[in-house]
Amino acid sequence: MKQKPDFQYGGQAVIEGVLMRGRDYLAVAVRKNNGEIVIKKDPVGSLAKKYPVLKWPFVRGVVALCESFGIGMKALMYSADQFMEEEGESKLSAWESTLMIMVALGLTIVLFIVLPLLARSLCNKFLADRFWGNLIESTIRILILVGYISAVSFLKDIQRVFAYHGAEHKVINTFEAKEDLTVANARKHTTFHPRCGTSFLLFVVIISAIFFSFLKYDTIWMRLVTRIALLPVVAGVSYEIIRFTGRHQGFFLWRWLSAPGFWLQKLTTREPDDAQLEVAINSLVAVLREEAPVIVGGMVYTAEKIEVEPATAG
């Protein structure tokens, strides 16, 4: 496979589609109600290309997290617009999109920072030892994460998104195995991947528990401020762990470190059907077409020539 070894392709699921991100380009493939697959391609304008210091270890994780969040939200809005357009509804305006992002960020802070701190404050009345307070706070944070994912997984629309998440993983695994990007090849691979965002979230929770255990602030407001302030540090460390374990799955110790993330991915991925795999393949292929020639298995992916399985209705 001809590509620079330090780059790792990845993506995320969106509404009835998949986002794939390459070194220089990204693509969002969405299947509409009539079975047509629409693809939107854009260049990746990472700040790290302009400022090399942002590629440094621990710093790059924070940059990647912020950029992935922005790119992911835009891709999600694009996929939502495809269905609103078909149903004759107007697309989301800029202020509506901004409001949704702010609500999502606010909900994240409330669920994973404020609620665990409040629970810890209540428990501190009975447990004066700081160790038990930190343990309770971290345990509640993990329970909220698992409980939230478990609860939304019962929703039919979310189950579809989780199936596209599985399709994204299968296609990336096929690509990294240097096999031709076909539905038949992708179907054989697992829906789990060590660099998954779900695993990243779990590592953020675990690493934050370790970091916060060294803080000695007694007021809930100082705890709140320090936890928000330390999020970039926690994210940077978690990113490096995910990146390292993803590259060294052959060593049993790193596989063990990845295991909790794989367990959580059982909640966030579903086995996709062939039509969903096809969407994910189209998304990755669209990226590969725009980048330097890449050879996977016996198939050459370039901007000039490419073979993609015909789209079929889901």
Protein backbone atom coordinates (compact mmCIF):
# COMPACT_ATOMS: atom_id res chain seq x y z
CA MET A 1 0.00 0.00 0.00
CA LYS A 2 1.66 3.23 -1.12
CA GLN A 3 1.06 5.90 1.47
CA LYS A 4 3.03 7.64 4.16
CA PRO A 5 3.19 5.31 7.17
CA ASP A 6 2.55 8.02 9.76
CA PHE A 7 -0.98 8.79 8.59
CA GLN A 8 -4.04 6.89 9.75
CA TYR A 9 -7.34 7.19 7.88
CA GLY A 10 -10.49 7.40 9.94
CA GLY A 11 -14.02 8.69 10.06
CA GLN A 12 -17.36 8.67 11.79
CA ALA A 13 -20.98 7.74 11.19
CA VAL A 14 -23.58 10.36 10.30
CA ILE A 15 -27.30 10.14 9.47
CA GLU A 16 -27.59 7.40 6.83
CA GLY A 17 -23.98 7.88 5.89
CA VAL A 18 -20.29 7.93 6.72
CA LEU A 19 -17.61 10.60 6.92
CA MET A 20 -14.09 9.56 5.98
CA ARG A 21 -11.05 11.76 6.52
CA GLY A 22 -7.72 11.50 4.74
CA ARG A 23 -4.48 13.43 4.85
CA ASP A 24 -5.63 16.23 2.55
CA TYR A 25 -9.31 15.56 1.85
CA LEU A 26 -12.48 14.39 3.55
CA ALA A 27 -15.69 13.02 2.10
CA VAL A 28 -19.22 12.49 3.38
CA ALA A 29 -21.30 9.83 1.64
CA VAL A 30 -25.04 9.71 2.38
CA ARG A 31 -27.69 7.38 0.99
CA LYS A 32 -30.94 9.19 0.22
CA ASN A 33 -34.40 7.62 0.43
CA ASN A 34 -34.40 6.84 -3.31
CA GLY A 35 -31.23 4.74 -2.92
CA GLU A 36 -28.91 7.32 -4.48
CA ILE A 37 -25.55 7.86 -2.76
CA VAL A 38 -24.57 11.54 -2.66
CA ILE A 39 -20.99 12.49 -1.86
CA LYS A 40 -19.58 15.79 -0.66
CA LYS A 41 -15.81 16.28 -0.75
CA ASP A 42 -13.77 19.04 0.87
CA PRO A 43 -10.08 19.71 1.48
CA VAL A 44 -8.84 19.27 5.05
CA GLY A 45 -7.55 22.62 6.27
CA SER A 46 -5.79 21.50 9.44
CA LEU A 47 -3.98 24.18 11.46
CA ALA A 48 -1.20 21.65 12.03
CA LYS A 49 -0.18 22.06 8.39
CA LYS A 50 0.40 25.77 8.94
CA TYR A 51 1.88 25.55 12.44
CA PRO A 52 4.19 22.52 12.85
CA VAL A 53 4.24 22.97 16.63
CA LEU A 54 0.65 21.70 16.66
CA LYS A 55 1.97 18.31 15.50
CA TRP A 56 3.93 17.81 18.70
CA PRO A 57 2.90 14.89 20.93
CA PHE A 58 0.12 15.73 23.44
CA VAL A 59 -0.57 18.99 21.56
CA ARG A 60 -1.74 17.21 18.40
CA GLY A 61 -4.38 15.34 20.38
CA VAL A 62 -6.10 18.57 21.44
CA VAL A 63 -5.94 19.92 17.89
CA ALA A 64 -7.29 16.66 16.46
CA LEU A 65 -10.15 16.62 18.97
CA CYS A 66 -11.22 20.19 18.21
CA GLU A 67 -10.95 19.76 14.45
CA SER A 68 -12.74 16.41 14.51
CA PHE A 69 -15.59 17.92 16.50
CA GLY A 70 -16.00 20.76 14.00
CA ILE A 71 -15.72 18.51 10.97
CA GLY A 72 -18.04 15.93 12.50
CA MET A 73 -20.74 18.49 13.28
CA LYS A 74 -20.60 19.88 9.73
CA ALA A 75 -20.87 16.36 8.31
CA LEU A 76 -23.79 15.60 10.60
CA MET A 77 -25.59 18.78 9.52
CA TYR A 78 -24.96 17.94 5.85
CA SER A 79 -26.44 14.46 6.26
CA ALA A 80 -29.45 15.90 8.10
CA ASP A 81 -29.96 18.46 5.32
CA GLN A 82 -30.23 15.67 2.73
CA PHE A 83 -33.29 14.24 4.43
CA MET A 84 -34.87 17.57 5.29
CA GLU A 85 -34.54 18.55 1.63
CA GLU A 86 -36.29 15.34 0.49
CA GLU A 87 -39.13 15.94 2.93
CA GLY A 88 -39.56 19.53 1.74
CA GLU A 89 -38.29 21.06 4.97
CA SER A 90 -35.89 23.99 5.06
CA LYS A 91 -32.27 23.34 5.95
CA LEU A 92 -30.90 24.31 9.35
CA SER A 93 -29.81 27.92 9.49
CA ALA A 94 -26.43 29.01 10.86
CA TRP A 95 -27.89 30.10 14.19
CA GLU A 96 -29.87 26.85 14.54
CA SER A 97 -26.70 24.84 13.92
CA THR A 98 -24.79 26.97 16.42
CA LEU A 99 -27.53 26.52 19.00
CA MET A 100 -27.44 22.74 18.56
CA ILE A 101 -23.67 22.71 19.06
CA MET A 102 -23.92 24.86 22.18
CA VAL A 103 -26.64 22.63 23.61
CA ALA A 104 -24.52 19.54 22.90
CA LEU A 105 -21.48 21.06 24.61
CA GLY A 106 -23.58 22.21 27.57
CA LEU A 107 -25.15 18.78 27.96
CA THR A 108 -21.69 17.18 27.89
CA ILE A 109 -20.43 19.45 30.68
CA VAL A 110 -23.54 18.86 32.78
CA LEU A 111 -23.53 15.08 32.39
CA PHE A 112 -19.83 14.33 32.69
CA ILE A 113 -18.54 17.09 34.95
CA VAL A 114 -21.32 18.76 36.93
CA LEU A 115 -23.38 15.69 37.88
CA PRO A 116 -20.38 13.59 39.06
CA LEU A 117 -19.16 16.57 41.12
CA LEU A 118 -22.57 17.03 42.73
CA ALA A 119 -22.71 13.34 43.57
CA ARG A 120 -19.23 13.55 45.04
CA SER A 121 -20.22 16.54 47.17
CA LEU A 122 -23.14 14.61 48.61
CA CYS A 123 -20.94 11.61 49.37
CA ASN A 124 -18.28 13.81 51.00
CA LYS A 125 -20.69 14.38 53.87
CA PHE A 126 -20.28 10.71 54.74
CA LEU A 127 -16.80 9.98 53.34
CA ALA A 128 -14.13 12.48 54.30
CA ASP A 129 -11.27 10.61 52.61
CA ARG A 130 -10.28 12.21 49.29
CA PHE A 131 -9.51 8.81 47.73
CA TRP A 132 -13.10 7.62 48.08
CA GLY A 133 -14.43 10.92 46.79
CA ASN A 134 -12.32 10.64 43.64
CA LEU A 135 -13.31 7.00 43.20
CA ILE A 136 -17.02 7.79 43.50
CA GLU A 137 -16.76 10.73 41.09
CA SER A 138 -14.92 8.65 38.48
CA THR A 139 -17.25 5.68 38.86
CA ILE A 140 -20.32 7.86 38.39
CA ARG A 141 -18.74 9.44 35.30
CA ILE A 142 -18.18 5.98 33.76
CA LEU A 143 -21.70 4.87 34.69
CA ILE A 144 -23.18 7.98 33.07
CA LEU A 145 -21.18 7.34 29.88
CA VAL A 146 -22.22 3.70 29.64
CA GLY A 147 -25.78 4.44 30.73
CA TYR A 148 -26.24 7.25 28.23
CA ILE A 149 -24.93 5.17 25.32
CA SER A 150 -27.04 2.19 26.40
CA ALA A 151 -30.18 4.34 26.64
CA VAL A 152 -29.86 5.97 23.21
CA SER A 153 -28.99 2.62 21.60
CA PHE A 154 -32.65 1.61 21.97
CA LEU A 155 -33.71 4.36 19.55
CA LYS A 156 -34.28 3.05 16.03
CA ASP A 157 -32.59 6.00 14.32
CA ILE A 158 -29.55 5.71 16.58
CA GLN A 159 -29.32 1.99 15.81
CA ARG A 160 -29.03 2.94 12.14
CA VAL A 161 -26.22 5.38 12.97
CA PHE A 162 -24.47 2.68 15.02
CA ALA A 163 -24.72 0.30 12.03
CA TYR A 164 -23.02 2.92 9.85
CA HIS A 165 -20.42 3.23 12.62
CA GLY A 166 -19.80 -0.50 12.25
CA ALA A 167 -19.58 -0.08 8.47
CA GLU A 168 -16.98 2.66 8.88
CA HIS A 169 -14.84 0.38 11.08
CA LYS A 170 -15.16 -2.58 8.72
CA VAL A 171 -14.07 -0.53 5.71
CA ILE A 172 -11.13 1.03 7.56
CA ASN A 173 -10.09 -2.43 8.75
CA THR A 174 -10.28 -3.67 5.16
CA PHE A 175 -8.15 -0.78 3.96
CA GLU A 176 -5.55 -1.30 6.70
CA ALA A 177 -5.45 -5.02 5.87
CA LYS A 178 -4.42 -3.95 2.32
CA GLU A 179 -7.42 -5.65 0.74
CA ASP A 180 -9.55 -4.41 -2.16
CA LEU A 181 -12.34 -2.16 -0.97
CA THR A 182 -15.33 -4.33 -1.81
CA VAL A 183 -18.44 -5.21 0.16
CA ALA A 184 -17.43 -8.88 0.24
CA ASN A 185 -14.03 -8.09 1.76
CA ALA A 186 -15.40 -5.56 4.24
CA ARG A 187 -18.09 -7.95 5.43
CA LYS A 188 -15.39 -10.32 6.77
CA HIS A 189 -13.85 -7.76 9.11
CA THR A 190 -14.78 -6.82 12.65
CA THR A 191 -16.83 -3.78 13.65
CA PHE A 192 -14.24 -2.95 16.33
CA HIS A 193 -11.28 -0.61 15.86
CA PRO A 194 -8.63 0.46 18.41
CA ARG A 195 -8.69 4.13 17.29
CA CYS A 196 -12.46 4.49 17.67
CA GLY A 197 -13.80 7.68 19.22
CA THR A 198 -15.77 5.55 21.68
CA SER A 199 -12.50 4.13 23.03
CA PHE A 200 -11.12 7.65 23.16
CA LEU A 201 -14.02 8.81 25.33
CA LEU A 202 -13.46 5.93 27.73
CA PHE A 203 -9.76 6.75 28.01
CA VAL A 204 -10.65 10.39 28.67
CA VAL A 205 -12.79 9.27 31.61
CA ILE A 206 -10.10 6.95 32.96
CA ILE A 207 -7.20 9.38 32.51
CA SER A 208 -9.24 12.22 34.03
CA ALA A 209 -9.78 10.06 37.13
CA ILE A 210 -6.01 9.72 37.51
CA PHE A 211 -5.31 13.41 36.92
CA PHE A 212 -8.06 14.68 39.18
CA SER A 213 -6.95 12.44 42.04
CA PHE A 214 -3.93 14.72 42.52
CA LEU A 215 -6.03 17.85 42.93
CA LYS A 216 -6.71 18.99 46.48
CA TYR A 217 -9.37 21.66 46.03
CA ASP A 218 -12.24 21.31 48.48
CA THR A 219 -14.85 23.66 46.99
CA ILE A 220 -17.10 22.38 44.22
CA TRP A 221 -16.51 25.50 42.14
CA MET A 222 -12.73 25.05 42.12
CA ARG A 223 -13.18 21.40 41.21
CA LEU A 224 -15.45 22.42 38.34
CA VAL A 225 -13.00 25.02 37.03
CA THR A 226 -9.96 22.72 37.26
CA ARG A 227 -11.74 19.85 35.54
CA ILE A 228 -12.75 22.01 32.60
CA ALA A 229 -9.29 23.61 32.46
CA LEU A 230 -7.55 20.23 32.45
CA LEU A 231 -9.69 18.74 29.69
CA PRO A 232 -7.14 19.65 26.96
CA VAL A 233 -4.39 17.92 28.95
CA VAL A 234 -6.52 14.84 29.51
CA ALA A 235 -7.51 14.77 25.84
CA GLY A 236 -3.88 15.08 24.73
CA VAL A 237 -2.74 12.16 26.89
CA SER A 238 -5.74 10.01 25.88
CA TYR A 239 -5.06 10.68 22.20
CA GLU A 240 -1.45 9.52 22.52
CA ILE A 241 -2.55 6.30 24.24
CA ILE A 242 -5.15 5.57 21.56
CA ARG A 243 -2.63 6.35 18.82
CA PHE A 244 0.08 4.16 20.36
CA THR A 245 -2.11 1.15 21.16
CA GLY A 246 -3.69 1.36 17.71
CA ARG A 247 -0.26 1.00 16.11
CA HIS A 248 0.93 -1.85 18.34
CA GLN A 249 -1.97 -4.28 18.57
CA GLY A 250 0.46 -7.14 18.06
CA PHE A 251 1.76 -6.78 21.64
CA PHE A 252 -0.51 -8.36 24.24
CA LEU A 253 -0.17 -5.51 26.76
CA TRP A 254 -1.47 -2.90 24.30
CA ARG A 255 -4.31 -5.24 23.29
CA TRP A 256 -5.26 -5.40 26.97
CA LEU A 257 -5.28 -1.60 27.15
CA SER A 258 -7.57 -1.51 24.13
CA ALA A 259 -9.95 -4.14 25.53
CA PRO A 260 -12.19 -1.78 27.60
CA GLY A 261 -12.69 0.37 24.51
CA PHE A 262 -13.67 -2.69 22.49
CA TRP A 263 -16.22 -3.64 25.16
CA LEU A 264 -17.78 -0.19 24.97
CA GLN A 265 -17.82 -0.35 21.17
CA LYS A 266 -20.24 -3.27 21.47
CA LEU A 267 -22.77 -0.60 22.42
CA THR A 268 -21.88 1.95 19.73
CA THR A 269 -21.53 -0.36 16.72
CA ARG A 270 -23.95 -2.69 14.97
CA GLU A 271 -23.39 -5.18 12.20
CA PRO A 272 -24.09 -3.24 8.97
CA ASP A 273 -25.89 -4.51 5.90
CA ASP A 274 -24.31 -4.54 2.45
CA ALA A 275 -25.90 -1.23 1.46
CA GLN A 276 -24.37 0.49 4.49
CA LEU A 277 -20.97 -1.04 3.74
CA GLU A 278 -21.26 0.30 0.21
CA VAL A 279 -21.84 3.83 1.50
CA ALA A 280 -18.75 3.61 3.71
CA ILE A 281 -16.68 2.29 0.80
CA ASN A 282 -17.83 5.13 -1.44
CA SER A 283 -16.84 7.64 1.22
CA LEU A 284 -13.31 6.29 1.64
CA VAL A 285 -12.87 5.82 -2.11
CA ALA A 286 -13.88 9.45 -2.68
CA VAL A 287 -11.05 10.51 -0.36
CA LEU A 288 -8.52 8.19 -1.99
CA ARG A 289 -9.40 9.53 -5.42
CA GLU A 290 -8.25 13.01 -4.41
CA GLU A 291 -5.00 11.99 -2.75
CA ALA A 292 -1.78 10.47 -4.03
CA PRO A 293 -2.15 7.09 -5.77
CA VAL A 294 -2.84 4.40 -3.21
CA ILE A 295 -2.60 0.67 -3.89
CA VAL A 296 -4.75 -1.57 -1.73
CA GLY A 297 -4.59 -5.25 -2.60
CA GLY A 298 -4.65 -5.35 -6.39
CA MET A 299 -6.71 -2.20 -6.90
CA VAL A 300 -5.22 1.22 -7.65
CA TYR A 301 -7.12 4.25 -6.33
CA THR A 302 -6.32 7.50 -8.13
CA ALA A 303 -8.20 10.61 -9.20
CA GLU A 304 -8.08 9.38 -12.80
CA LYS A 305 -9.32 5.82 -12.49
CA ILE A 306 -11.37 4.00 -9.92
CA GLU A 307 -13.88 1.21 -9.77
CA VAL A 308 -16.73 1.38 -7.30
CA GLU A 309 -19.52 -1.13 -6.87
CA PRO A 310 -22.81 0.26 -8.21
CA ALA A 311 -25.14 1.82 -5.67
CA THR A 312 -28.18 -0.18 -4.60
CA ALA A 313 -31.17 0.85 -2.57
CA GLY A 314 -30.97 0.09 1.15
